[in-house]
Amino acid sequence: RKDGQLQLRNRAKPNEPTQRLSIENLIPRLIAQQQENPD
């Protein structure tokens, strides 16, 4: 966002709301998701 805030959206699940995260919380989530779905 303009203010530098990070949000994560899963486009595979459009009904899920976006989640506000810091970079420290974002990385472990993405690592877990890519281990689950490497593609």
PDB file of all heavy atoms in Angstrom:
ATOM      1  N   ARG A   1       0.824  -1.207   0.000  1.00  0.00           N
ATOM      2  CA  ARG A   1       0.000   0.000   0.000  1.00  0.00           C
ATOM      3  C   ARG A   1       0.860   1.260   0.000  1.00  0.00           C
ATOM      4  O   ARG A   1       2.067   1.200   0.186  1.00  0.00           O
ATOM      5  CB  ARG A   1      -0.912  -0.001   1.237  1.00  0.00           C
ATOM      6  CG  ARG A   1      -1.839  -1.183   1.302  1.00  0.00           C
ATOM      7  CD  ARG A   1      -2.998  -0.952   0.401  1.00  0.00           C
ATOM      8  NE  ARG A   1      -3.869  -2.136   0.430  1.00  0.00           N
ATOM      9  CZ  ARG A   1      -4.643  -2.462  -0.553  1.00  0.00           C
ATOM     10  NH1 ARG A   1      -4.690  -1.736  -1.635  1.00  0.00           N
ATOM     11  NH2 ARG A   1      -5.393  -3.529  -0.490  1.00  0.00           N
ATOM     12  N   LYS A   2       0.216   2.421  -0.179  1.00  0.00           N
ATOM     13  CA  LYS A   2       0.925   3.701  -0.209  1.00  0.00           C
ATOM     14  C   LYS A   2       1.724   3.943   1.065  1.00  0.00           C
ATOM     15  O   LYS A   2       2.807   4.503   1.034  1.00  0.00           O
ATOM     16  CB  LYS A   2      -0.067   4.854  -0.383  1.00  0.00           C
ATOM     17  CG  LYS A   2      -0.703   4.939  -1.730  1.00  0.00           C
ATOM     18  CD  LYS A   2      -1.665   6.103  -1.774  1.00  0.00           C
ATOM     19  CE  LYS A   2      -2.447   6.092  -3.069  1.00  0.00           C
ATOM     20  NZ  LYS A   2      -3.418   7.181  -3.131  1.00  0.00           N
ATOM     21  N   ASP A   3       1.147   3.523   2.184  1.00  0.00           N
ATOM     22  CA  ASP A   3       1.814   3.755   3.467  1.00  0.00           C
ATOM     23  C   ASP A   3       2.874   2.695   3.786  1.00  0.00           C
ATOM     24  O   ASP A   3       3.446   2.692   4.870  1.00  0.00           O
ATOM     25  CB  ASP A   3       0.782   3.817   4.594  1.00  0.00           C
ATOM     26  CG  ASP A   3      -0.076   2.564   4.686  1.00  0.00           C
ATOM     27  OD1 ASP A   3       0.103   1.646   3.860  1.00  0.00           O
ATOM     28  OD2 ASP A   3      -0.935   2.500   5.585  1.00  0.00           O
ATOM     29  N   GLY A   4       3.153   1.779   2.848  1.00  0.00           N
ATOM     30  CA  GLY A   4       4.176   0.755   3.043  1.00  0.00           C
ATOM     31  C   GLY A   4       3.666  -0.497   3.716  1.00  0.00           C
ATOM     32  O   GLY A   4       4.439  -1.423   3.975  1.00  0.00           O
ATOM     33  N   GLN A   5       2.387  -0.555   3.998  1.00  0.00           N
ATOM     34  CA  GLN A   5       1.805  -1.717   4.669  1.00  0.00           C
ATOM     35  C   GLN A   5       1.673  -2.877   3.684  1.00  0.00           C
ATOM     36  O   GLN A   5       1.301  -2.680   2.526  1.00  0.00           O
ATOM     37  CB  GLN A   5       0.444  -1.340   5.225  1.00  0.00           C
ATOM     38  CG  GLN A   5      -0.160  -2.391   6.104  1.00  0.00           C
ATOM     39  CD  GLN A   5      -1.452  -1.889   6.715  1.00  0.00           C
ATOM     40  OE1 GLN A   5      -2.007  -0.902   6.276  1.00  0.00           O
ATOM     41  NE2 GLN A   5      -1.917  -2.578   7.723  1.00  0.00           N
ATOM     42  N   LEU A   6       1.959  -4.091   4.159  1.00  0.00           N
ATOM     43  CA  LEU A   6       1.885  -5.285   3.326  1.00  0.00           C
ATOM     44  C   LEU A   6       0.598  -6.041   3.607  1.00  0.00           C
ATOM     45  O   LEU A   6       0.171  -6.159   4.761  1.00  0.00           O
ATOM     46  CB  LEU A   6       3.073  -6.212   3.604  1.00  0.00           C
ATOM     47  CG  LEU A   6       4.457  -5.654   3.317  1.00  0.00           C
ATOM     48  CD1 LEU A   6       5.512  -6.653   3.739  1.00  0.00           C
ATOM     49  CD2 LEU A   6       4.603  -5.325   1.855  1.00  0.00           C
ATOM     50  N   GLN A   7       0.005  -6.561   2.559  1.00  0.00           N
ATOM     51  CA  GLN A   7      -1.172  -7.420   2.688  1.00  0.00           C
ATOM     52  C   GLN A   7      -0.966  -8.642   1.814  1.00  0.00           C
ATOM     53  O   GLN A   7      -0.310  -8.566   0.768  1.00  0.00           O
ATOM     54  CB  GLN A   7      -2.440  -6.680   2.267  1.00  0.00           C
ATOM     55  CG  GLN A   7      -2.812  -5.553   3.184  1.00  0.00           C
ATOM     56  CD  GLN A   7      -4.116  -4.887   2.761  1.00  0.00           C
ATOM     57  OE1 GLN A   7      -4.493  -4.917   1.599  1.00  0.00           O
ATOM     58  NE2 GLN A   7      -4.795  -4.285   3.717  1.00  0.00           N
ATOM     59  N   LEU A   8      -1.526  -9.762   2.235  1.00  0.00           N
ATOM     60  CA  LEU A   8      -1.419 -11.010   1.478  1.00  0.00           C
ATOM     61  C   LEU A   8      -2.805 -11.441   1.048  1.00  0.00           C
ATOM     62  O   LEU A   8      -3.738 -11.500   1.853  1.00  0.00           O
ATOM     63  CB  LEU A   8      -0.766 -12.100   2.334  1.00  0.00           C
ATOM     64  CG  LEU A   8      -0.568 -13.456   1.663  1.00  0.00           C
ATOM     65  CD1 LEU A   8       0.416 -13.336   0.506  1.00  0.00           C
ATOM     66  CD2 LEU A   8      -0.076 -14.473   2.667  1.00  0.00           C
ATOM     67  N   ARG A   9      -2.947 -11.728  -0.243  1.00  0.00           N
ATOM     68  CA  ARG A   9      -4.215 -12.189  -0.797  1.00  0.00           C
ATOM     69  C   ARG A   9      -3.963 -13.494  -1.541  1.00  0.00           C
ATOM     70  O   ARG A   9      -3.048 -13.595  -2.351  1.00  0.00           O
ATOM     71  CB  ARG A   9      -4.769 -11.159  -1.774  1.00  0.00           C
ATOM     72  CG  ARG A   9      -6.076 -11.596  -2.424  1.00  0.00           C
ATOM     73  CD  ARG A   9      -6.512 -10.683  -3.534  1.00  0.00           C
ATOM     74  NE  ARG A   9      -6.631  -9.306  -3.072  1.00  0.00           N
ATOM     75  CZ  ARG A   9      -6.657  -8.259  -3.890  1.00  0.00           C
ATOM     76  NH1 ARG A   9      -6.555  -8.414  -5.181  1.00  0.00           N
ATOM     77  NH2 ARG A   9      -6.762  -7.037  -3.415  1.00  0.00           N
ATOM     78  N   ASN A  10      -4.770 -14.508  -1.253  1.00  0.00           N
ATOM     79  CA  ASN A  10      -4.690 -15.778  -1.974  1.00  0.00           C
ATOM     80  C   ASN A  10      -5.689 -15.711  -3.118  1.00  0.00           C
ATOM     81  O   ASN A  10      -6.896 -15.802  -2.905  1.00  0.00           O
ATOM     82  CB  ASN A  10      -4.998 -16.949  -1.036  1.00  0.00           C
ATOM     83  CG  ASN A  10      -4.750 -18.290  -1.683  1.00  0.00           C
ATOM     84  OD1 ASN A  10      -4.460 -18.379  -2.868  1.00  0.00           O
ATOM     85  ND2 ASN A  10      -4.867 -19.347  -0.901  1.00  0.00           N
ATOM     86  N   ARG A  11      -5.188 -15.566  -4.336  1.00  0.00           N
ATOM     87  CA  ARG A  11      -6.086 -15.447  -5.483  1.00  0.00           C
ATOM     88  C   ARG A  11      -6.782 -16.757  -5.810  1.00  0.00           C
ATOM     89  O   ARG A  11      -7.759 -16.767  -6.540  1.00  0.00           O
ATOM     90  CB  ARG A  11      -5.312 -14.948  -6.695  1.00  0.00           C
ATOM     91  CG  ARG A  11      -4.913 -13.511  -6.562  1.00  0.00           C
ATOM     92  CD  ARG A  11      -4.212 -13.027  -7.788  1.00  0.00           C
ATOM     93  NE  ARG A  11      -4.592 -11.640  -8.004  1.00  0.00           N
ATOM     94  CZ  ARG A  11      -4.673 -11.082  -9.179  1.00  0.00           C
ATOM     95  NH1 ARG A  11      -4.429 -11.766 -10.262  1.00  0.00           N
ATOM     96  NH2 ARG A  11      -5.007  -9.824  -9.293  1.00  0.00           N
ATOM     97  N   ALA A  12      -6.285 -17.874  -5.275  1.00  0.00           N
ATOM     98  CA  ALA A  12      -6.958 -19.154  -5.483  1.00  0.00           C
ATOM     99  C   ALA A  12      -8.256 -19.208  -4.679  1.00  0.00           C
ATOM    100  O   ALA A  12      -9.163 -19.960  -5.006  1.00  0.00           O
ATOM    101  CB  ALA A  12      -6.037 -20.306  -5.090  1.00  0.00           C
ATOM    102  N   LYS A  13      -8.314 -18.422  -3.615  1.00  0.00           N
ATOM    103  CA  LYS A  13      -9.517 -18.355  -2.775  1.00  0.00           C
ATOM    104  C   LYS A  13      -9.981 -16.906  -2.720  1.00  0.00           C
ATOM    105  O   LYS A  13      -9.661 -16.162  -1.797  1.00  0.00           O
ATOM    106  CB  LYS A  13      -9.196 -18.879  -1.373  1.00  0.00           C
ATOM    107  CG  LYS A  13      -8.746 -20.310  -1.361  1.00  0.00           C
ATOM    108  CD  LYS A  13      -8.320 -20.740   0.022  1.00  0.00           C
ATOM    109  CE  LYS A  13      -7.800 -22.162  -0.007  1.00  0.00           C
ATOM    110  NZ  LYS A  13      -7.251 -22.564   1.291  1.00  0.00           N
ATOM    111  N   PRO A  14     -10.744 -16.465  -3.716  1.00  0.00           N
ATOM    112  CA  PRO A  14     -11.114 -15.045  -3.784  1.00  0.00           C
ATOM    113  C   PRO A  14     -12.032 -14.586  -2.658  1.00  0.00           C
ATOM    114  O   PRO A  14     -12.125 -13.397  -2.383  1.00  0.00           O
ATOM    115  CB  PRO A  14     -11.801 -14.918  -5.145  1.00  0.00           C
ATOM    116  CG  PRO A  14     -12.206 -16.286  -5.523  1.00  0.00           C
ATOM    117  CD  PRO A  14     -11.273 -17.228  -4.832  1.00  0.00           C
ATOM    118  N   ASN A  15     -12.718 -15.504  -1.984  1.00  0.00           N
ATOM    119  CA  ASN A  15     -13.635 -15.115  -0.916  1.00  0.00           C
ATOM    120  C   ASN A  15     -12.913 -14.832   0.394  1.00  0.00           C
ATOM    121  O   ASN A  15     -13.491 -14.251   1.305  1.00  0.00           O
ATOM    122  CB  ASN A  15     -14.688 -16.199  -0.698  1.00  0.00           C
ATOM    123  CG  ASN A  15     -15.572 -16.365  -1.916  1.00  0.00           C
ATOM    124  OD1 ASN A  15     -15.735 -15.444  -2.708  1.00  0.00           O
ATOM    125  ND2 ASN A  15     -16.138 -17.540  -2.089  1.00  0.00           N
ATOM    126  N   GLU A  16     -11.662 -15.267   0.510  1.00  0.00           N
ATOM    127  CA  GLU A  16     -10.880 -15.008   1.712  1.00  0.00           C
ATOM    128  C   GLU A  16     -10.494 -13.543   1.772  1.00  0.00           C
ATOM    129  O   GLU A  16     -10.081 -12.967   0.770  1.00  0.00           O
ATOM    130  CB  GLU A  16      -9.589 -15.847   1.700  1.00  0.00           C
ATOM    131  CG  GLU A  16      -9.639 -17.054   2.563  1.00  0.00           C
ATOM    132  CD  GLU A  16      -8.292 -17.768   2.598  1.00  0.00           C
ATOM    133  OE1 GLU A  16      -7.244 -17.120   2.461  1.00  0.00           O
ATOM    134  OE2 GLU A  16      -8.310 -18.976   2.776  1.00  0.00           O
ATOM    135  N   PRO A  17     -10.586 -12.917   2.930  1.00  0.00           N
ATOM    136  CA  PRO A  17     -10.166 -11.506   3.017  1.00  0.00           C
ATOM    137  C   PRO A  17      -8.642 -11.395   2.983  1.00  0.00           C
ATOM    138  O   PRO A  17      -7.924 -12.338   3.292  1.00  0.00           O
ATOM    139  CB  PRO A  17     -10.717 -11.066   4.380  1.00  0.00           C
ATOM    140  CG  PRO A  17     -10.814 -12.328   5.169  1.00  0.00           C
ATOM    141  CD  PRO A  17     -11.125 -13.428   4.187  1.00  0.00           C
ATOM    142  N   THR A  18      -8.177 -10.219   2.586  1.00  0.00           N
ATOM    143  CA  THR A  18      -6.735  -9.986   2.602  1.00  0.00           C
ATOM    144  C   THR A  18      -6.281  -9.836   4.043  1.00  0.00           C
ATOM    145  O   THR A  18      -7.034  -9.387   4.905  1.00  0.00           O
ATOM    146  CB  THR A  18      -6.365  -8.719   1.811  1.00  0.00           C
ATOM    147  OG1 THR A  18      -7.040  -7.618   2.398  1.00  0.00           O
ATOM    148  CG2 THR A  18      -6.736  -8.852   0.354  1.00  0.00           C
ATOM    149  N   GLN A  19      -5.035 -10.226   4.301  1.00  0.00           N
ATOM    150  CA  GLN A  19      -4.503 -10.191   5.659  1.00  0.00           C
ATOM    151  C   GLN A  19      -3.354  -9.209   5.727  1.00  0.00           C
ATOM    152  O   GLN A  19      -2.455  -9.237   4.888  1.00  0.00           O
ATOM    153  CB  GLN A  19      -4.018 -11.588   6.057  1.00  0.00           C
ATOM    154  CG  GLN A  19      -5.108 -12.630   5.979  1.00  0.00           C
ATOM    155  CD  GLN A  19      -4.550 -14.034   6.083  1.00  0.00           C
ATOM    156  OE1 GLN A  19      -3.358 -14.221   6.201  1.00  0.00           O
ATOM    157  NE2 GLN A  19      -5.428 -15.001   6.045  1.00  0.00           N
ATOM    158  N   ARG A  20      -3.374  -8.346   6.726  1.00  0.00           N
ATOM    159  CA  ARG A  20      -2.284  -7.401   6.925  1.00  0.00           C
ATOM    160  C   ARG A  20      -1.183  -8.113   7.688  1.00  0.00           C
ATOM    161  O   ARG A  20      -1.416  -8.700   8.741  1.00  0.00           O
ATOM    162  CB  ARG A  20      -2.755  -6.189   7.708  1.00  0.00           C
ATOM    163  CG  ARG A  20      -3.759  -5.378   6.954  1.00  0.00           C
ATOM    164  CD  ARG A  20      -4.196  -4.191   7.742  1.00  0.00           C
ATOM    165  NE  ARG A  20      -5.137  -3.414   6.944  1.00  0.00           N
ATOM    166  CZ  ARG A  20      -5.519  -2.207   7.251  1.00  0.00           C
ATOM    167  NH1 ARG A  20      -5.064  -1.623   8.326  1.00  0.00           N
ATOM    168  NH2 ARG A  20      -6.356  -1.575   6.472  1.00  0.00           N
ATOM    169  N   LEU A  21       0.025  -8.051   7.123  1.00  0.00           N
ATOM    170  CA  LEU A  21       1.155  -8.747   7.719  1.00  0.00           C
ATOM    171  C   LEU A  21       2.399  -7.877   7.649  1.00  0.00           C
ATOM    172  O   LEU A  21       2.520  -7.016   6.790  1.00  0.00           O
ATOM    173  CB  LEU A  21       1.437 -10.055   6.970  1.00  0.00           C
ATOM    174  CG  LEU A  21       0.341 -11.110   6.938  1.00  0.00           C
ATOM    175  CD1 LEU A  21       0.682 -12.186   5.945  1.00  0.00           C
ATOM    176  CD2 LEU A  21       0.152 -11.714   8.312  1.00  0.00           C
ATOM    177  N   SER A  22       3.329  -8.176   8.538  1.00  0.00           N
ATOM    178  CA  SER A  22       4.653  -7.571   8.422  1.00  0.00           C
ATOM    179  C   SER A  22       5.506  -8.514   7.578  1.00  0.00           C
ATOM    180  O   SER A  22       5.131  -9.658   7.321  1.00  0.00           O
ATOM    181  CB  SER A  22       5.280  -7.386   9.804  1.00  0.00           C
ATOM    182  OG  SER A  22       5.528  -8.649  10.395  1.00  0.00           O
ATOM    183  N   ILE A  23       6.659  -8.050   7.149  1.00  0.00           N
ATOM    184  CA  ILE A  23       7.531  -8.883   6.318  1.00  0.00           C
ATOM    185  C   ILE A  23       7.993 -10.115   7.097  1.00  0.00           C
ATOM    186  O   ILE A  23       8.174 -11.184   6.519  1.00  0.00           O
ATOM    187  CB  ILE A  23       8.722  -8.051   5.772  1.00  0.00           C
ATOM    188  CG1 ILE A  23       9.456  -8.803   4.669  1.00  0.00           C
ATOM    189  CG2 ILE A  23       9.682  -7.681   6.865  1.00  0.00           C
ATOM    190  CD1 ILE A  23       8.734  -8.877   3.389  1.00  0.00           C
ATOM    191  N   GLU A  24       8.159  -9.983   8.419  1.00  0.00           N
ATOM    192  CA  GLU A  24       8.595 -11.119   9.244  1.00  0.00           C
ATOM    193  C   GLU A  24       7.518 -12.202   9.322  1.00  0.00           C
ATOM    194  O   GLU A  24       7.821 -13.378   9.422  1.00  0.00           O
ATOM    195  CB  GLU A  24       8.961 -10.656  10.666  1.00  0.00           C
ATOM    196  CG  GLU A  24      10.177  -9.760  10.743  1.00  0.00           C
ATOM    197  CD  GLU A  24       9.865  -8.296  10.435  1.00  0.00           C
ATOM    198  OE1 GLU A  24       8.682  -7.887  10.541  1.00  0.00           O
ATOM    199  OE2 GLU A  24      10.806  -7.581  10.062  1.00  0.00           O
ATOM    200  N   ASN A  25       6.236 -11.803   9.295  1.00  0.00           N
ATOM    201  CA  ASN A  25       5.142 -12.772   9.335  1.00  0.00           C
ATOM    202  C   ASN A  25       4.792 -13.295   7.942  1.00  0.00           C
ATOM    203  O   ASN A  25       4.244 -14.385   7.807  1.00  0.00           O
ATOM    204  CB  ASN A  25       3.895 -12.145   9.964  1.00  0.00           C
ATOM    205  CG  ASN A  25       4.113 -11.753  11.408  1.00  0.00           C
ATOM    206  OD1 ASN A  25       4.958 -12.322  12.095  1.00  0.00           O
ATOM    207  ND2 ASN A  25       3.370 -10.768  11.865  1.00  0.00           N
ATOM    208  N   LEU A  26       5.103 -12.503   6.930  1.00  0.00           N
ATOM    209  CA  LEU A  26       4.760 -12.874   5.559  1.00  0.00           C
ATOM    210  C   LEU A  26       5.609 -14.033   5.050  1.00  0.00           C
ATOM    211  O   LEU A  26       5.088 -14.972   4.438  1.00  0.00           O
ATOM    212  CB  LEU A  26       4.940 -11.644   4.653  1.00  0.00           C
ATOM    213  CG  LEU A  26       4.723 -11.846   3.164  1.00  0.00           C
ATOM    214  CD1 LEU A  26       3.250 -12.041   2.887  1.00  0.00           C
ATOM    215  CD2 LEU A  26       5.258 -10.668   2.393  1.00  0.00           C
ATOM    216  N   ILE A  27       6.895 -13.989   5.313  1.00  0.00           N
ATOM    217  CA  ILE A  27       7.827 -14.992   4.776  1.00  0.00           C
ATOM    218  C   ILE A  27       7.488 -16.404   5.250  1.00  0.00           C
ATOM    219  O   ILE A  27       7.387 -17.317   4.420  1.00  0.00           O
ATOM    220  CB  ILE A  27       9.285 -14.609   5.125  1.00  0.00           C
ATOM    221  CG1 ILE A  27       9.651 -13.272   4.479  1.00  0.00           C
ATOM    222  CG2 ILE A  27      10.249 -15.702   4.723  1.00  0.00           C
ATOM    223  CD1 ILE A  27       9.643 -13.264   2.986  1.00  0.00           C
ATOM    224  N   PRO A  28       7.288 -16.652   6.559  1.00  0.00           N
ATOM    225  CA  PRO A  28       6.956 -18.029   6.964  1.00  0.00           C
ATOM    226  C   PRO A  28       5.661 -18.552   6.346  1.00  0.00           C
ATOM    227  O   PRO A  28       5.544 -19.728   6.024  1.00  0.00           O
ATOM    228  CB  PRO A  28       6.837 -17.945   8.486  1.00  0.00           C
ATOM    229  CG  PRO A  28       7.560 -16.719   8.877  1.00  0.00           C
ATOM    230  CD  PRO A  28       7.475 -15.790   7.715  1.00  0.00           C
ATOM    231  N   ARG A  29       4.690 -17.652   6.144  1.00  0.00           N
ATOM    232  CA  ARG A  29       3.431 -18.083   5.508  1.00  0.00           C
ATOM    233  C   ARG A  29       3.640 -18.512   4.077  1.00  0.00           C
ATOM    234  O   ARG A  29       3.097 -19.517   3.621  1.00  0.00           O
ATOM    235  CB  ARG A  29       2.421 -16.949   5.556  1.00  0.00           C
ATOM    236  CG  ARG A  29       1.559 -17.148   6.788  1.00  0.00           C
ATOM    237  CD  ARG A  29       0.382 -16.369   6.730  1.00  0.00           C
ATOM    238  NE  ARG A  29      -0.646 -17.053   5.966  1.00  0.00           N
ATOM    239  CZ  ARG A  29      -1.875 -16.667   5.990  1.00  0.00           C
ATOM    240  NH1 ARG A  29      -2.205 -15.634   6.696  1.00  0.00           N
ATOM    241  NH2 ARG A  29      -2.766 -17.292   5.299  1.00  0.00           N
ATOM    242  N   LEU A  30       4.440 -17.729   3.343  1.00  0.00           N
ATOM    243  CA  LEU A  30       4.702 -18.080   1.948  1.00  0.00           C
ATOM    244  C   LEU A  30       5.525 -19.361   1.847  1.00  0.00           C
ATOM    245  O   LEU A  30       5.292 -20.176   0.958  1.00  0.00           O
ATOM    246  CB  LEU A  30       5.410 -16.927   1.234  1.00  0.00           C
ATOM    247  CG  LEU A  30       4.558 -15.694   0.965  1.00  0.00           C
ATOM    248  CD1 LEU A  30       5.401 -14.586   0.384  1.00  0.00           C
ATOM    249  CD2 LEU A  30       3.408 -16.035   0.041  1.00  0.00           C
ATOM    250  N   ILE A  31       6.480 -19.552   2.742  1.00  0.00           N
ATOM    251  CA  ILE A  31       7.274 -20.786   2.733  1.00  0.00           C
ATOM    252  C   ILE A  31       6.374 -21.983   2.975  1.00  0.00           C
ATOM    253  O   ILE A  31       6.466 -22.998   2.283  1.00  0.00           O
ATOM    254  CB  ILE A  31       8.409 -20.702   3.779  1.00  0.00           C
ATOM    255  CG1 ILE A  31       9.452 -19.678   3.334  1.00  0.00           C
ATOM    256  CG2 ILE A  31       9.053 -22.061   3.991  1.00  0.00           C
ATOM    257  CD1 ILE A  31      10.519 -19.394   4.365  1.00  0.00           C
ATOM    258  N   ALA A  32       5.465 -21.876   3.946  1.00  0.00           N
ATOM    259  CA  ALA A  32       4.542 -22.983   4.238  1.00  0.00           C
ATOM    260  C   ALA A  32       3.621 -23.259   3.056  1.00  0.00           C
ATOM    261  O   ALA A  32       3.369 -24.415   2.702  1.00  0.00           O
ATOM    262  CB  ALA A  32       3.730 -22.666   5.490  1.00  0.00           C
ATOM    263  N   GLN A  33       3.130 -22.201   2.423  1.00  0.00           N
ATOM    264  CA  GLN A  33       2.222 -22.382   1.286  1.00  0.00           C
ATOM    265  C   GLN A  33       2.945 -22.987   0.089  1.00  0.00           C
ATOM    266  O   GLN A  33       2.385 -23.810  -0.624  1.00  0.00           O
ATOM    267  CB  GLN A  33       1.591 -21.042   0.888  1.00  0.00           C
ATOM    268  CG  GLN A  33       0.569 -20.537   1.870  1.00  0.00           C
ATOM    269  CD  GLN A  33      -0.659 -21.430   1.944  1.00  0.00           C
ATOM    270  OE1 GLN A  33      -0.996 -22.142   1.011  1.00  0.00           O
ATOM    271  NE2 GLN A  33      -1.319 -21.415   3.082  1.00  0.00           N
ATOM    272  N   GLN A  34       4.199 -22.585  -0.139  1.00  0.00           N
ATOM    273  CA  GLN A  34       4.921 -23.148  -1.277  1.00  0.00           C
ATOM    274  C   GLN A  34       5.376 -24.579  -1.014  1.00  0.00           C
ATOM    275  O   GLN A  34       5.579 -25.330  -1.951  1.00  0.00           O
ATOM    276  CB  GLN A  34       6.099 -22.264  -1.671  1.00  0.00           C
ATOM    277  CG  GLN A  34       5.637 -21.075  -2.476  1.00  0.00           C
ATOM    278  CD  GLN A  34       6.704 -20.521  -3.391  1.00  0.00           C
ATOM    279  OE1 GLN A  34       7.883 -20.649  -3.137  1.00  0.00           O
ATOM    280  NE2 GLN A  34       6.265 -19.890  -4.460  1.00  0.00           N
ATOM    281  N   GLN A  35       5.536 -24.956   0.234  1.00  0.00           N
ATOM    282  CA  GLN A  35       5.817 -26.362   0.519  1.00  0.00           C
ATOM    283  C   GLN A  35       4.568 -27.197   0.257  1.00  0.00           C
ATOM    284  O   GLN A  35       4.655 -28.324  -0.205  1.00  0.00           O
ATOM    285  CB  GLN A  35       6.280 -26.531   1.962  1.00  0.00           C
ATOM    286  CG  GLN A  35       7.695 -26.054   2.181  1.00  0.00           C
ATOM    287  CD  GLN A  35       8.107 -26.100   3.637  1.00  0.00           C
ATOM    288  OE1 GLN A  35       7.283 -26.292   4.523  1.00  0.00           O
ATOM    289  NE2 GLN A  35       9.393 -25.910   3.879  1.00  0.00           N
ATOM    290  N   GLU A  36       3.416 -26.619   0.532  1.00  0.00           N
ATOM    291  CA  GLU A  36       2.147 -27.303   0.282  1.00  0.00           C
ATOM    292  C   GLU A  36       1.812 -27.332  -1.205  1.00  0.00           C
ATOM    293  O   GLU A  36       1.390 -28.357  -1.740  1.00  0.00           O
ATOM    294  CB  GLU A  36       1.046 -26.581   1.057  1.00  0.00           C
ATOM    295  CG  GLU A  36      -0.279 -27.286   1.072  1.00  0.00           C
ATOM    296  CD  GLU A  36      -1.273 -26.514   1.909  1.00  0.00           C
ATOM    297  OE1 GLU A  36      -0.941 -26.142   3.052  1.00  0.00           O
ATOM    298  OE2 GLU A  36      -2.393 -26.279   1.402  1.00  0.00           O
ATOM    299  N   ASN A  37       1.996 -26.213  -1.907  1.00  0.00           N
ATOM    300  CA  ASN A  37       1.720 -26.076  -3.337  1.00  0.00           C
ATOM    301  C   ASN A  37       2.942 -25.477  -4.024  1.00  0.00           C
ATOM    302  O   ASN A  37       3.024 -24.267  -4.199  1.00  0.00           O
ATOM    303  CB  ASN A  37       0.515 -25.159  -3.586  1.00  0.00           C
ATOM    304  CG  ASN A  37      -0.753 -25.707  -3.004  1.00  0.00           C
ATOM    305  OD1 ASN A  37      -1.009 -26.885  -3.086  1.00  0.00           O
ATOM    306  ND2 ASN A  37      -1.535 -24.840  -2.393  1.00  0.00           N
ATOM    307  N   PRO A  38       3.908 -26.301  -4.450  1.00  0.00           N
ATOM    308  CA  PRO A  38       5.128 -25.738  -5.041  1.00  0.00           C
ATOM    309  C   PRO A  38       4.908 -25.046  -6.389  1.00  0.00           C
ATOM    310  O   PRO A  38       5.744 -24.265  -6.815  1.00  0.00           O
ATOM    311  CB  PRO A  38       6.055 -26.942  -5.199  1.00  0.00           C
ATOM    312  CG  PRO A  38       5.228 -28.140  -4.978  1.00  0.00           C
ATOM    313  CD  PRO A  38       3.968 -27.734  -4.310  1.00  0.00           C
ATOM    314  N   ASP A  39       3.796 -25.300  -7.056  1.00  0.00           N
ATOM    315  CA  ASP A  39       3.539 -24.676  -8.358  1.00  0.00           C
ATOM    316  C   ASP A  39       2.872 -23.311  -8.240  1.00  0.00           C
ATOM    317  O   ASP A  39       2.707 -22.621  -9.241  1.00  0.00           O
ATOM    318  CB  ASP A  39       2.651 -25.591  -9.209  1.00  0.00           C
ATOM    319  CG  ASP A  39       3.362 -26.865  -9.596  1.00  0.00           C
ATOM    320  OD1 ASP A  39       4.608 -26.858  -9.629  1.00  0.00           O
ATOM    321  OD2 ASP A  39       2.681 -27.868  -9.859  1.00  0.00           O
TER     322      ASP A  39
END
